[in-house]
Structure formats: structure tokens, C-alpha cells
C-alpha atoms as a PDB file:
ATOM      1  CA  MET A   1     255.634 142.004  83.570  1.00  0.00           C
ATOM      2  CA  SER A   2     257.103 141.285  86.970  1.00  0.00           C
ATOM      3  CA  GLY A   3     258.309 137.812  87.916  1.00  0.00           C
ATOM      4  CA  THR A   4     260.770 135.624  86.058  1.00  0.00           C
ATOM      5  CA  ARG A   5     259.803 135.388  82.410  1.00  0.00           C
ATOM      6  CA  ILE A   6     259.336 131.993  80.817  1.00  0.00           C
ATOM      7  CA  ALA A   7     258.318 131.069  77.281  1.00  0.00           C
ATOM      8  CA  VAL A   8     256.619 127.750  76.594  1.00  0.00           C
ATOM      9  CA  ASP A   9     256.800 125.669  73.461  1.00  0.00           C
ATOM     10  CA  ASN A  10     253.751 124.187  71.764  1.00  0.00           C
ATOM     11  CA  SER A  11     254.849 120.734  73.014  1.00  0.00           C
ATOM     12  CA  VAL A  12     254.180 121.800  76.623  1.00  0.00           C
ATOM     13  CA  LEU A  13     250.737 123.161  75.736  1.00  0.00           C
ATOM     14  CA  SER A  14     249.953 120.089  73.652  1.00  0.00           C
ATOM     15  CA  ASP A  15     250.861 117.790  76.564  1.00  0.00           C
ATOM     16  CA  LEU A  16     248.615 119.783  78.888  1.00  0.00           C
ATOM     17  CA  GLY A  17     245.757 119.592  76.394  1.00  0.00           C
ATOM     18  CA  ASN A  18     246.251 115.872  75.822  1.00  0.00           C
ATOM     19  CA  TYR A  19     246.148 115.225  79.551  1.00  0.00           C
ATOM     20  CA  LEU A  20     243.074 117.395  80.104  1.00  0.00           C
ATOM     21  CA  THR A  21     241.136 115.649  77.333  1.00  0.00           C
ATOM     22  CA  ASN A  22     242.302 112.083  77.973  1.00  0.00           C
ATOM     23  CA  PRO A  23     244.232 111.605  81.249  1.00  0.00           C
ATOM     24  CA  ASP A  24     244.104 107.788  81.075  1.00  0.00           C
ATOM     25  CA  LYS A  25     246.120 107.756  77.846  1.00  0.00           C
ATOM     26  CA  PHE A  26     248.714 110.322  78.907  1.00  0.00           C
ATOM     27  CA  PRO A  27     252.279 108.894  78.664  1.00  0.00           C
ATOM     28  CA  THR A  28     253.744 108.176  82.091  1.00  0.00           C
ATOM     29  CA  ASN A  29     257.198 109.372  80.969  1.00  0.00           C
ATOM     30  CA  LYS A  30     255.799 112.897  80.582  1.00  0.00           C
ATOM     31  CA  MET A  31     253.865 113.013  83.856  1.00  0.00           C
ATOM     32  CA  ASN A  32     256.678 114.738  85.833  1.00  0.00           C
ATOM     33  CA  ASP A  33     256.839 117.534  83.273  1.00  0.00           C
ATOM     34  CA  LEU A  34     253.059 117.887  83.230  1.00  0.00           C
ATOM     35  CA  ARG A  35     252.913 118.186  87.042  1.00  0.00           C
ATOM     36  CA  ALA A  36     255.830 120.624  86.995  1.00  0.00           C
ATOM     37  CA  PHE A  37     254.093 122.789  84.400  1.00  0.00           C
ATOM     38  CA  GLU A  38     250.903 122.794  86.478  1.00  0.00           C
ATOM     39  CA  GLU A  39     252.950 124.012  89.441  1.00  0.00           C
ATOM     40  CA  ILE A  40     254.633 126.651  87.253  1.00  0.00           C
ATOM     41  CA  ILE A  41     251.169 127.882  86.246  1.00  0.00           C
ATOM     42  CA  GLN A  42     250.259 128.199  89.935  1.00  0.00           C
ATOM     43  CA  LEU A  43     253.500 130.081  90.643  1.00  0.00           C
ATOM     44  CA  ASP A  44     252.647 132.381  87.740  1.00  0.00           C
ATOM     45  CA  HIS A  45     249.304 133.142  89.401  1.00  0.00           C
ATOM     46  CA  GLU A  46     251.283 134.043  92.543  1.00  0.00           C
ATOM     47  CA  GLY A  47     253.499 136.452  90.575  1.00  0.00           C
ATOM     48  CA  ILE A  48     256.693 134.358  90.826  1.00  0.00           C
ATOM     49  CA  PHE A  49     256.791 133.627  87.091  1.00  0.00           C
ATOM     50  CA  LYS A  50     255.309 135.228  83.998  1.00  0.00           C
ATOM     51  CA  ILE A  51     254.576 132.708  81.271  1.00  0.00           C
ATOM     52  CA  GLY A  52     254.685 134.010  77.707  1.00  0.00           C
ATOM     53  CA  ILE A  53     253.437 132.050  74.745  1.00  0.00           C
ATOM     54  CA  PRO A  54     254.883 132.923  71.335  1.00  0.00           C
ATOM     55  CA  ALA A  55     252.076 133.689  68.886  1.00  0.00           C
ATOM     56  CA  SER A  56     253.556 131.136  66.484  1.00  0.00           C
ATOM     57  CA  THR A  57     253.210 128.497  69.218  1.00  0.00           C
ATOM     58  CA  THR A  58     249.515 129.245  69.567  1.00  0.00           C
ATOM     59  CA  PHE A  59     249.091 128.987  65.795  1.00  0.00           C
ATOM     60  CA  ILE A  60     250.792 125.582  65.790  1.00  0.00           C
ATOM     61  CA  GLU A  61     248.685 124.464  68.730  1.00  0.00           C
ATOM     62  CA  ALA A  62     245.514 125.777  67.088  1.00  0.00           C
ATOM     63  CA  GLN A  63     246.207 123.612  64.041  1.00  0.00           C
ATOM     64  CA  GLN A  64     246.777 120.509  66.178  1.00  0.00           C
ATOM     65  CA  ALA A  65     244.099 120.976  68.828  1.00  0.00           C
ATOM     66  CA  GLY A  66     240.389 121.237  68.463  1.00  0.00           C
ATOM     67  CA  GLY A  67     238.469 124.125  69.991  1.00  0.00           C
ATOM     68  CA  ASP A  68     237.477 122.132  73.075  1.00  0.00           C
ATOM     69  CA  LYS A  69     241.082 121.217  73.870  1.00  0.00           C
ATOM     70  CA  ARG A  70     242.230 124.799  73.327  1.00  0.00           C
ATOM     71  CA  ASP A  71     239.493 126.062  75.640  1.00  0.00           C
ATOM     72  CA  LEU A  72     240.519 123.568  78.342  1.00  0.00           C
ATOM     73  CA  ILE A  73     244.151 124.717  78.102  1.00  0.00           C
ATOM     74  CA  LYS A  74     243.149 128.378  78.390  1.00  0.00           C
ATOM     75  CA  GLU A  75     240.845 127.615  81.308  1.00  0.00           C
ATOM     76  CA  LYS A  76     243.560 125.634  83.132  1.00  0.00           C
ATOM     77  CA  MET A  77     246.133 128.379  82.609  1.00  0.00           C
ATOM     78  CA  GLY A  78     243.777 131.239  83.460  1.00  0.00           C
ATOM     79  CA  SER A  79     245.703 134.497  83.833  1.00  0.00           C
ATOM     80  CA  ALA A  80     248.935 132.675  82.939  1.00  0.00           C
ATOM     81  CA  TRP A  81     247.763 132.526  79.289  1.00  0.00           C
ATOM     82  CA  ARG A  82     249.729 135.431  77.747  1.00  0.00           C
ATOM     83  CA  ILE A  83     250.516 135.706  74.067  1.00  0.00           C
ATOM     84  CA  LEU A  84     253.824 137.385  73.275  1.00  0.00           C
ATOM     85  CA  PRO A  85     253.496 140.319  70.844  1.00  0.00           C
ATOM     86  CA  VAL A  86     252.786 139.505  67.222  1.00  0.00           C
ATOM     87  CA  VAL A  87     253.824 142.823  65.655  1.00  0.00           C
ATOM     88  CA  VAL A  88     257.592 143.183  65.484  1.00  0.00           C
ATOM     89  CA  PRO A  89     259.443 146.371  64.422  1.00  0.00           C
ATOM     90  CA  PRO A  90     261.498 145.930  61.203  1.00  0.00           C
ATOM     91  CA  GLU A  91     264.897 146.218  62.941  1.00  0.00           C
ATOM     92  CA  ILE A  92     263.940 143.481  65.406  1.00  0.00           C
ATOM     93  CA  SER A  93     262.448 141.373  62.611  1.00  0.00           C
ATOM     94  CA  GLN A  94     265.821 141.363  60.864  1.00  0.00           C
ATOM     95  CA  GLU A  95     267.551 140.240  64.079  1.00  0.00           C
ATOM     96  CA  ILE A  96     264.993 137.460  64.516  1.00  0.00           C
ATOM     97  CA  ASP A  97     265.512 136.274  60.926  1.00  0.00           C
ATOM     98  CA  GLN A  98     269.324 136.208  61.272  1.00  0.00           C
ATOM     99  CA  LYS A  99     269.325 134.396  64.609  1.00  0.00           C
ATOM    100  CA  SER A 100     266.620 131.967  63.488  1.00  0.00           C
ATOM    101  CA  LYS A 101     268.548 130.982  60.359  1.00  0.00           C
ATOM    102  CA  CYS A 102     271.734 130.542  62.365  1.00  0.00           C
ATOM    103  CA  LEU A 103     270.017 128.402  64.987  1.00  0.00           C
ATOM    104  CA  GLN A 104     268.178 126.424  62.325  1.00  0.00           C
ATOM    105  CA  ARG A 105     271.504 125.550  60.649  1.00  0.00           C
ATOM    106  CA  ILE A 106     273.161 124.418  63.883  1.00  0.00           C
ATOM    107  CA  MET A 107     270.112 122.537  65.172  1.00  0.00           C
ATOM    108  CA  GLN A 108     269.264 121.086  61.744  1.00  0.00           C
ATOM    109  CA  ASP A 109     265.680 122.184  62.362  1.00  0.00           C
ATOM    110  CA  LYS A 110     264.086 121.212  59.027  1.00  0.00           C
ATOM    111  CA  ASN A 111     261.200 123.674  58.837  1.00  0.00           C
ATOM    112  CA  GLY A 112     262.699 126.122  61.351  1.00  0.00           C
ATOM    113  CA  ALA A 113     259.537 126.414  63.464  1.00  0.00           C
ATOM    114  CA  ASP A 114     261.186 125.361  66.736  1.00  0.00           C
ATOM    115  CA  SER A 115     264.163 127.640  66.180  1.00  0.00           C
ATOM    116  CA  ARG A 116     261.978 130.594  65.253  1.00  0.00           C
ATOM    117  CA  ASN A 117     259.725 130.115  68.304  1.00  0.00           C
ATOM    118  CA  LEU A 118     262.772 130.066  70.546  1.00  0.00           C
ATOM    119  CA  ILE A 119     264.279 133.194  68.956  1.00  0.00           C
ATOM    120  CA  VAL A 120     261.006 135.131  69.013  1.00  0.00           C
ATOM    121  CA  SER A 121     260.689 134.293  72.705  1.00  0.00           C
ATOM    122  CA  THR A 122     264.192 135.524  73.399  1.00  0.00           C
ATOM    123  CA  VAL A 123     264.135 138.705  71.332  1.00  0.00           C
ATOM    124  CA  VAL A 124     260.500 139.823  71.595  1.00  0.00           C
ATOM    125  CA  GLY A 125     259.528 138.272  74.918  1.00  0.00           C
ATOM    126  CA  HIS A 126     262.839 139.024  76.654  1.00  0.00           C
ATOM    127  CA  THR A 127     262.649 135.582  78.230  1.00  0.00           C
ATOM    128  CA  PRO A 128     265.745 133.935  79.655  1.00  0.00           C
ATOM    129  CA  TYR A 129     263.991 130.537  79.857  1.00  0.00           C
ATOM    130  CA  TYR A 130     262.286 128.421  77.210  1.00  0.00           C
ATOM    131  CA  LEU A 131     260.367 125.324  78.303  1.00  0.00           C
ATOM    132  CA  THR A 132     259.717 122.388  76.021  1.00  0.00           C
ATOM    133  CA  THR A 133     258.968 118.687  76.229  1.00  0.00           C
ATOM    134  CA  ASP A 134     260.719 118.056  72.930  1.00  0.00           C
ATOM    135  CA  TYR A 135     263.483 116.114  74.669  1.00  0.00           C
ATOM    136  CA  LYS A 136     265.510 115.586  71.506  1.00  0.00           C
ATOM    137  CA  TYR A 137     265.616 119.357  70.899  1.00  0.00           C
ATOM    138  CA  ILE A 138     266.731 119.966  74.506  1.00  0.00           C
ATOM    139  CA  ARG A 139     269.569 117.421  74.228  1.00  0.00           C
ATOM    140  CA  GLN A 140     270.716 118.795  70.890  1.00  0.00           C
ATOM    141  CA  PHE A 141     270.542 122.424  72.090  1.00  0.00           C
ATOM    142  CA  LYS A 142     272.585 121.623  75.205  1.00  0.00           C
ATOM    143  CA  ALA A 143     275.148 119.731  73.123  1.00  0.00           C
ATOM    144  CA  GLN A 144     275.534 122.732  70.786  1.00  0.00           C
ATOM    145  CA  ILE A 145     275.204 125.535  73.362  1.00  0.00           C
ATOM    146  CA  GLU A 146     278.720 126.955  72.896  1.00  0.00           C
ATOM    147  CA  ARG A 147     278.336 127.095  69.101  1.00  0.00           C
ATOM    148  CA  ILE A 148     274.889 128.664  69.484  1.00  0.00           C
ATOM    149  CA  LYS A 149     276.200 131.368  71.808  1.00  0.00           C
ATOM    150  CA  ALA A 150     279.262 132.096  69.674  1.00  0.00           C
ATOM    151  CA  ASN A 151     277.692 131.966  66.211  1.00  0.00           C
ATOM    152  CA  CYS A 152     274.065 132.971  66.773  1.00  0.00           C
ATOM    153  CA  LYS A 153     274.413 135.244  69.811  1.00  0.00           C
ATOM    154  CA  VAL A 154     271.529 133.405  71.467  1.00  0.00           C
ATOM    155  CA  TYR A 155     271.648 133.350  75.244  1.00  0.00           C
ATOM    156  CA  ILE A 156     268.659 131.418  76.531  1.00  0.00           C
ATOM    157  CA  CYS A 157     268.271 128.442  78.813  1.00  0.00           C
ATOM    158  CA  ILE A 158     266.165 125.687  77.283  1.00  0.00           C
ATOM    159  CA  LEU A 159     264.743 123.220  79.786  1.00  0.00           C
ATOM    160  CA  SER A 160     261.939 120.785  80.398  1.00  0.00           C
ATOM    161  CA  PRO A 161     259.324 122.029  82.880  1.00  0.00           C
ATOM    162  CA  SER A 162     260.575 119.607  85.558  1.00  0.00           C
ATOM    163  CA  GLU A 163     264.204 120.748  85.115  1.00  0.00           C
ATOM    164  CA  PHE A 164     263.122 124.372  85.383  1.00  0.00           C
ATOM    165  CA  LEU A 165     261.040 123.777  88.510  1.00  0.00           C
ATOM    166  CA  ARG A 166     263.844 121.784  90.154  1.00  0.00           C
ATOM    167  CA  MET A 167     266.287 124.631  89.489  1.00  0.00           C
ATOM    168  CA  TYR A 168     263.802 127.131  90.933  1.00  0.00           C
ATOM    169  CA  LYS A 169     263.324 125.049  94.085  1.00  0.00           C
ATOM    170  CA  ASN A 170     267.115 124.701  94.451  1.00  0.00           C
ATOM    171  CA  GLY A 171     267.490 128.487  94.298  1.00  0.00           C
ATOM    172  CA  GLU A 172     269.258 128.422  90.921  1.00  0.00           C
ATOM    173  CA  ILE A 173     266.597 130.631  89.337  1.00  0.00           C
END
């Protein structure tokens, strides 16, 4: 894949689906991130970015979204809809498990789904950026970044879509 790699969390896909199915009820506080993600999709189509979606994210989204919503998301994303590999070699699987457990402890991620998605994106997808609209997770991750780097050996930048796009436009990415 050429272009800057980005992984997206199920929260970003869920927001897109919610907007596509019911724009009048979409929360105004998330509109900037929605518009930013739409622009990121367009930049992906132009080869600037390469969006990767962890398989576990699509499974979560599939449980929460009906078939019509899922189809609208795929249609909107077009060629930017890329699932990161599902099959992981045993040696990488062990690394994912160790880093996920470490991150889960620091982040106090109860079921570990968010931490695992982030780690799979980093290790399997080789993505330096992880986009989410789970604002609490972003704040907590940023507050614990030094511990995460030191203890878990996780080096990824977690941002909202609007933060990511702003950094891109400012030449920071």
C-alpha cells in the first residue's frame, strides 16, 4: 500500500453509518470529525492515505449495524474500504497478545476490544495512525502515552479524524 497508512476504529465507522442513515439526528459535536473523515476518504481515493480497517472493528460494526447501514458505509468509502489481514502468524499473535494485555491494564479497557483493535492495527497493519471518535479513549491514551511507550512498546498516534486532518493540512503528517 502506498500513501500514509491509517487505521479506523469502529466508532468512526459507526458515526458515518449513523449520519448516512439519519443525518437529522446526527450529534452536532461530532460533525467536524464526520466531515474530516469524509475528506480523509477522498484523500485515500487520491492515494494520499490508505485506510485500513481491523477485522475485529468490522465484526463489532457488523453486530451494531444492520445490513443496510453497512452497505451504505461500504458504498461511501468505496475503494477506501480495506480490511486488515485476519490471519496472523503465531509469533506475531504472541506479540499482539502481550501488547494488548499491557495496554488494556494501563487504559483500564474492561473487555480489551479497543486495546486489541489498536494493537492489531499497529502490528499487523503497520499503521502509525489510529483514528477514533471515542474521545475519552483519546484523552486517556494521550495522558498515559509515556507509560504506554515504555511498558507496552506501542508507538502509535491516536487521534480524532479532525485532529488528523488538521495535522495533515499543517504539514505535520
